[in-house]
Amino acid sequence: MITLQHFLVLSAVIFCLGLYVVLTRKNAVAILMGVELILNAASISFVAFSRYISGAITGQVFVIFIIIIAVSEAAVALAIILNIYQNFRTLDVDETKELKY
């Protein structure tokens, strides 16, 4: 039987992988993917807690908000990444320390 601890361990592993990607990668697209992993880990935790609390749907409501925020964040981040590539011809975040307009 799958318990709450199984879900929380899975969420912790995904969160750690996302944090590792954000801290170690220099590519802007890879950093964006790491942030998405972190948001997915939070979603798994919310759904797991709401599953084991009888009659609570607040976890699913939080997940819907997380999905909406993730979509908005991805759209804005991709627009910024495209603008950085257009100006600097690279996606390396170390080379884009000074943004121009």
N, C-alpha and C. Protein backbone atom coordinates (compact mmCIF):
# COMPACT_ATOMS: atom_id res chain seq x y z
N MET A 1 0.84 -1.19 0.00
CA MET A 1 0.00 0.00 0.00
C MET A 1 0.88 1.26 0.00
N ILE A 2 0.49 2.21 -0.78
CA ILE A 2 1.25 3.46 -0.88
C ILE A 2 0.77 4.41 0.22
N THR A 3 1.72 4.88 1.00
CA THR A 3 1.39 5.76 2.12
C THR A 3 1.80 7.19 1.80
N LEU A 4 1.51 8.06 2.74
CA LEU A 4 1.87 9.47 2.59
C LEU A 4 3.38 9.65 2.48
N GLN A 5 4.13 8.83 3.20
CA GLN A 5 5.58 8.94 3.17
C GLN A 5 6.15 8.67 1.78
N HIS A 6 5.54 7.75 1.03
CA HIS A 6 6.00 7.48 -0.33
C HIS A 6 5.87 8.73 -1.21
N PHE A 7 4.73 9.40 -1.11
CA PHE A 7 4.52 10.61 -1.88
C PHE A 7 5.50 11.71 -1.46
N LEU A 8 5.73 11.84 -0.17
CA LEU A 8 6.62 12.89 0.31
C LEU A 8 8.07 12.63 -0.08
N VAL A 9 8.48 11.36 -0.09
CA VAL A 9 9.84 11.03 -0.53
C VAL A 9 9.98 11.34 -2.02
N LEU A 10 8.98 10.98 -2.82
CA LEU A 10 9.01 11.30 -4.24
C LEU A 10 9.08 12.81 -4.46
N SER A 11 8.29 13.54 -3.71
CA SER A 11 8.29 14.99 -3.82
C SER A 11 9.65 15.57 -3.42
N ALA A 12 10.26 15.05 -2.37
CA ALA A 12 11.56 15.53 -1.93
C ALA A 12 12.64 15.25 -2.96
N VAL A 13 12.59 14.07 -3.58
CA VAL A 13 13.58 13.73 -4.61
C VAL A 13 13.44 14.66 -5.81
N ILE A 14 12.21 14.89 -6.26
CA ILE A 14 12.00 15.78 -7.40
C ILE A 14 12.41 17.20 -7.06
N PHE A 15 12.11 17.65 -5.83
CA PHE A 15 12.51 18.98 -5.41
C PHE A 15 14.03 19.12 -5.39
N CYS A 16 14.73 18.12 -4.87
CA CYS A 16 16.20 18.17 -4.82
C CYS A 16 16.80 18.16 -6.22
N LEU A 17 16.23 17.38 -7.13
CA LEU A 17 16.70 17.39 -8.51
C LEU A 17 16.51 18.77 -9.15
N GLY A 18 15.35 19.37 -8.93
CA GLY A 18 15.09 20.70 -9.46
C GLY A 18 16.03 21.74 -8.87
N LEU A 19 16.28 21.66 -7.58
CA LEU A 19 17.19 22.60 -6.93
C LEU A 19 18.61 22.42 -7.45
N TYR A 20 19.02 21.18 -7.66
CA TYR A 20 20.35 20.90 -8.22
C TYR A 20 20.48 21.50 -9.62
N VAL A 21 19.45 21.35 -10.43
CA VAL A 21 19.48 21.90 -11.79
C VAL A 21 19.57 23.42 -11.75
N VAL A 22 18.80 24.05 -10.89
CA VAL A 22 18.81 25.51 -10.81
C VAL A 22 20.16 26.03 -10.35
N LEU A 23 20.79 25.34 -9.40
CA LEU A 23 22.04 25.83 -8.85
C LEU A 23 23.26 25.53 -9.71
N THR A 24 23.20 24.50 -10.55
CA THR A 24 24.41 24.09 -11.27
C THR A 24 24.41 24.44 -12.75
N ARG A 25 23.28 24.66 -13.35
CA ARG A 25 23.24 24.90 -14.79
C ARG A 25 23.47 26.37 -15.11
N LYS A 26 24.05 26.60 -16.27
CA LYS A 26 24.26 27.97 -16.75
C LYS A 26 23.33 28.31 -17.90
N ASN A 27 22.68 27.32 -18.46
CA ASN A 27 21.76 27.54 -19.57
C ASN A 27 20.42 28.01 -19.02
N ALA A 28 19.87 29.06 -19.58
CA ALA A 28 18.63 29.64 -19.07
C ALA A 28 17.45 28.68 -19.22
N VAL A 29 17.42 27.91 -20.30
CA VAL A 29 16.32 26.96 -20.49
C VAL A 29 16.40 25.85 -19.45
N ALA A 30 17.59 25.39 -19.13
CA ALA A 30 17.75 24.35 -18.11
C ALA A 30 17.33 24.86 -16.74
N ILE A 31 17.63 26.11 -16.44
CA ILE A 31 17.20 26.70 -15.17
C ILE A 31 15.68 26.77 -15.11
N LEU A 32 15.06 27.12 -16.21
CA LEU A 32 13.59 27.16 -16.27
C LEU A 32 13.01 25.77 -16.02
N MET A 33 13.64 24.74 -16.58
CA MET A 33 13.16 23.37 -16.35
C MET A 33 13.33 22.97 -14.89
N GLY A 34 14.38 23.43 -14.24
CA GLY A 34 14.57 23.15 -12.82
C GLY A 34 13.50 23.80 -11.96
N VAL A 35 13.13 25.01 -12.30
CA VAL A 35 12.05 25.70 -11.57
C VAL A 35 10.73 24.94 -11.74
N GLU A 36 10.49 24.43 -12.94
CA GLU A 36 9.27 23.65 -13.18
C GLU A 36 9.28 22.36 -12.35
N LEU A 37 10.44 21.73 -12.19
CA LEU A 37 10.53 20.55 -11.33
C LEU A 37 10.20 20.89 -9.88
N ILE A 38 10.66 22.02 -9.41
CA ILE A 38 10.37 22.44 -8.05
C ILE A 38 8.87 22.67 -7.87
N LEU A 39 8.23 23.30 -8.84
CA LEU A 39 6.78 23.51 -8.75
C LEU A 39 6.02 22.20 -8.79
N ASN A 40 6.48 21.24 -9.59
CA ASN A 40 5.83 19.93 -9.62
C ASN A 40 5.98 19.20 -8.30
N ALA A 41 7.11 19.34 -7.65
CA ALA A 41 7.30 18.71 -6.34
C ALA A 41 6.33 19.28 -5.32
N ALA A 42 6.13 20.58 -5.36
CA ALA A 42 5.16 21.20 -4.45
C ALA A 42 3.75 20.70 -4.75
N SER A 43 3.42 20.53 -6.02
CA SER A 43 2.09 20.03 -6.39
C SER A 43 1.87 18.62 -5.88
N ILE A 44 2.87 17.77 -5.98
CA ILE A 44 2.74 16.40 -5.48
C ILE A 44 2.50 16.40 -3.97
N SER A 45 3.20 17.26 -3.26
CA SER A 45 3.00 17.34 -1.81
C SER A 45 1.60 17.79 -1.45
N PHE A 46 1.10 18.82 -2.14
CA PHE A 46 -0.25 19.30 -1.85
C PHE A 46 -1.30 18.23 -2.11
N VAL A 47 -1.20 17.54 -3.22
CA VAL A 47 -2.18 16.50 -3.54
C VAL A 47 -2.07 15.33 -2.56
N ALA A 48 -0.86 14.98 -2.17
CA ALA A 48 -0.68 13.89 -1.21
C ALA A 48 -1.31 14.22 0.13
N PHE A 49 -1.08 15.43 0.62
CA PHE A 49 -1.69 15.81 1.89
C PHE A 49 -3.21 15.87 1.80
N SER A 50 -3.73 16.37 0.70
CA SER A 50 -5.19 16.46 0.59
C SER A 50 -5.82 15.08 0.42
N ARG A 51 -5.07 14.11 -0.12
CA ARG A 51 -5.62 12.75 -0.27
C ARG A 51 -5.77 12.08 1.09
N TYR A 52 -4.85 12.34 2.00
CA TYR A 52 -4.89 11.67 3.29
C TYR A 52 -5.64 12.44 4.35
N ILE A 53 -6.19 13.59 4.01
CA ILE A 53 -7.10 14.30 4.91
C ILE A 53 -8.49 14.11 4.33
N SER A 54 -9.36 13.47 5.06
CA SER A 54 -10.68 13.11 4.53
C SER A 54 -11.53 14.36 4.28
N GLY A 55 -12.06 14.43 3.07
CA GLY A 55 -12.98 15.50 2.71
C GLY A 55 -12.33 16.81 2.32
N ALA A 56 -11.01 16.88 2.29
CA ALA A 56 -10.34 18.14 1.96
C ALA A 56 -9.98 18.17 0.48
N ILE A 57 -10.35 19.25 -0.19
CA ILE A 57 -9.96 19.42 -1.59
C ILE A 57 -9.05 20.63 -1.76
N THR A 58 -8.56 21.16 -0.66
CA THR A 58 -7.72 22.35 -0.74
C THR A 58 -6.40 22.06 -1.47
N GLY A 59 -5.90 20.84 -1.38
CA GLY A 59 -4.67 20.50 -2.09
C GLY A 59 -4.84 20.61 -3.59
N GLN A 60 -5.98 20.13 -4.10
CA GLN A 60 -6.23 20.23 -5.53
C GLN A 60 -6.40 21.68 -5.97
N VAL A 61 -6.98 22.50 -5.13
CA VAL A 61 -7.15 23.91 -5.46
C VAL A 61 -5.79 24.59 -5.53
N PHE A 62 -4.91 24.28 -4.59
CA PHE A 62 -3.55 24.83 -4.63
C PHE A 62 -2.81 24.38 -5.88
N VAL A 63 -3.01 23.13 -6.28
CA VAL A 63 -2.34 22.62 -7.48
C VAL A 63 -2.82 23.36 -8.72
N ILE A 64 -4.09 23.67 -8.79
CA ILE A 64 -4.60 24.44 -9.93
C ILE A 64 -3.92 25.81 -9.98
N PHE A 65 -3.77 26.45 -8.81
CA PHE A 65 -3.08 27.74 -8.78
C PHE A 65 -1.61 27.58 -9.18
N ILE A 66 -0.96 26.51 -8.75
CA ILE A 66 0.44 26.28 -9.11
C ILE A 66 0.57 26.08 -10.61
N ILE A 67 -0.35 25.35 -11.21
CA ILE A 67 -0.31 25.14 -12.66
C ILE A 67 -0.48 26.46 -13.40
N ILE A 68 -1.40 27.30 -12.93
CA ILE A 68 -1.60 28.61 -13.57
C ILE A 68 -0.36 29.47 -13.43
N ILE A 69 0.25 29.46 -12.25
CA ILE A 69 1.47 30.24 -12.05
C ILE A 69 2.61 29.70 -12.90
N ALA A 70 2.71 28.37 -13.03
CA ALA A 70 3.78 27.77 -13.83
C ALA A 70 3.64 28.13 -15.30
N VAL A 71 2.42 28.14 -15.80
CA VAL A 71 2.20 28.52 -17.20
C VAL A 71 2.57 29.98 -17.41
N SER A 72 2.16 30.84 -16.52
CA SER A 72 2.50 32.26 -16.64
C SER A 72 4.00 32.48 -16.54
N GLU A 73 4.62 31.79 -15.60
CA GLU A 73 6.07 31.91 -15.43
C GLU A 73 6.81 31.42 -16.65
N ALA A 74 6.37 30.33 -17.24
CA ALA A 74 7.03 29.78 -18.42
C ALA A 74 6.90 30.74 -19.60
N ALA A 75 5.74 31.34 -19.77
CA ALA A 75 5.55 32.28 -20.88
C ALA A 75 6.44 33.51 -20.73
N VAL A 76 6.48 34.08 -19.54
CA VAL A 76 7.31 35.26 -19.31
C VAL A 76 8.79 34.91 -19.42
N ALA A 77 9.19 33.78 -18.84
CA ALA A 77 10.60 33.38 -18.87
C ALA A 77 11.05 33.07 -20.29
N LEU A 78 10.23 32.43 -21.09
CA LEU A 78 10.61 32.16 -22.47
C LEU A 78 10.72 33.45 -23.28
N ALA A 79 9.87 34.41 -23.00
CA ALA A 79 10.00 35.71 -23.68
C ALA A 79 11.30 36.40 -23.29
N ILE A 80 11.66 36.32 -22.03
CA ILE A 80 12.93 36.91 -21.58
C ILE A 80 14.11 36.17 -22.20
N ILE A 81 14.03 34.84 -22.26
CA ILE A 81 15.11 34.04 -22.84
C ILE A 81 15.28 34.37 -24.32
N LEU A 82 14.18 34.50 -25.04
CA LEU A 82 14.28 34.87 -26.45
C LEU A 82 14.89 36.26 -26.63
N ASN A 83 14.54 37.19 -25.76
CA ASN A 83 15.11 38.53 -25.82
C ASN A 83 16.60 38.51 -25.50
N ILE A 84 17.01 37.72 -24.51
CA ILE A 84 18.43 37.59 -24.18
C ILE A 84 19.19 36.99 -25.35
N TYR A 85 18.64 35.97 -25.97
CA TYR A 85 19.32 35.35 -27.11
C TYR A 85 19.43 36.32 -28.29
N GLN A 86 18.39 37.11 -28.49
CA GLN A 86 18.41 38.07 -29.59
C GLN A 86 19.48 39.14 -29.38
N ASN A 87 19.68 39.55 -28.14
CA ASN A 87 20.65 40.60 -27.86
C ASN A 87 22.08 40.09 -27.69
N PHE A 88 22.26 38.93 -27.07
CA PHE A 88 23.60 38.46 -26.73
C PHE A 88 24.06 37.26 -27.56
N ARG A 89 23.17 36.62 -28.30
CA ARG A 89 23.47 35.42 -29.10
C ARG A 89 23.99 34.26 -28.25
N THR A 90 23.55 34.20 -27.00
CA THR A 90 23.89 33.09 -26.11
C THR A 90 22.81 32.95 -25.05
N LEU A 91 22.71 31.74 -24.50
CA LEU A 91 21.77 31.51 -23.41
C LEU A 91 22.50 31.29 -22.09
N ASP A 92 23.81 31.50 -22.08
CA ASP A 92 24.60 31.34 -20.86
C ASP A 92 24.31 32.52 -19.93
N VAL A 93 23.83 32.23 -18.74
CA VAL A 93 23.42 33.30 -17.84
C VAL A 93 24.62 34.05 -17.25
N ASP A 94 25.80 33.45 -17.26
CA ASP A 94 26.99 34.15 -16.77
C ASP A 94 27.42 35.26 -17.71
N GLU A 95 27.16 35.10 -18.98
CA GLU A 95 27.58 36.10 -19.97
C GLU A 95 26.57 37.24 -20.11
N THR A 96 25.45 37.13 -19.47
CA THR A 96 24.40 38.16 -19.59
C THR A 96 24.20 38.87 -18.25
N LYS A 97 25.27 39.20 -17.59
CA LYS A 97 25.15 39.85 -16.28
C LYS A 97 24.64 41.28 -16.39
N GLU A 98 24.94 41.93 -17.50
CA GLU A 98 24.50 43.30 -17.69
C GLU A 98 23.52 43.34 -18.87
N LEU A 99 22.27 43.59 -18.57
CA LEU A 99 21.26 43.63 -19.62
C LEU A 99 21.17 45.03 -20.20
N LYS A 100 21.01 45.08 -21.49
CA LYS A 100 20.86 46.35 -22.20
C LYS A 100 19.42 46.49 -22.66
N TYR A 101 19.01 47.70 -22.97
CA TYR A 101 17.69 47.88 -23.52
C TYR A 101 17.73 48.43 -24.89
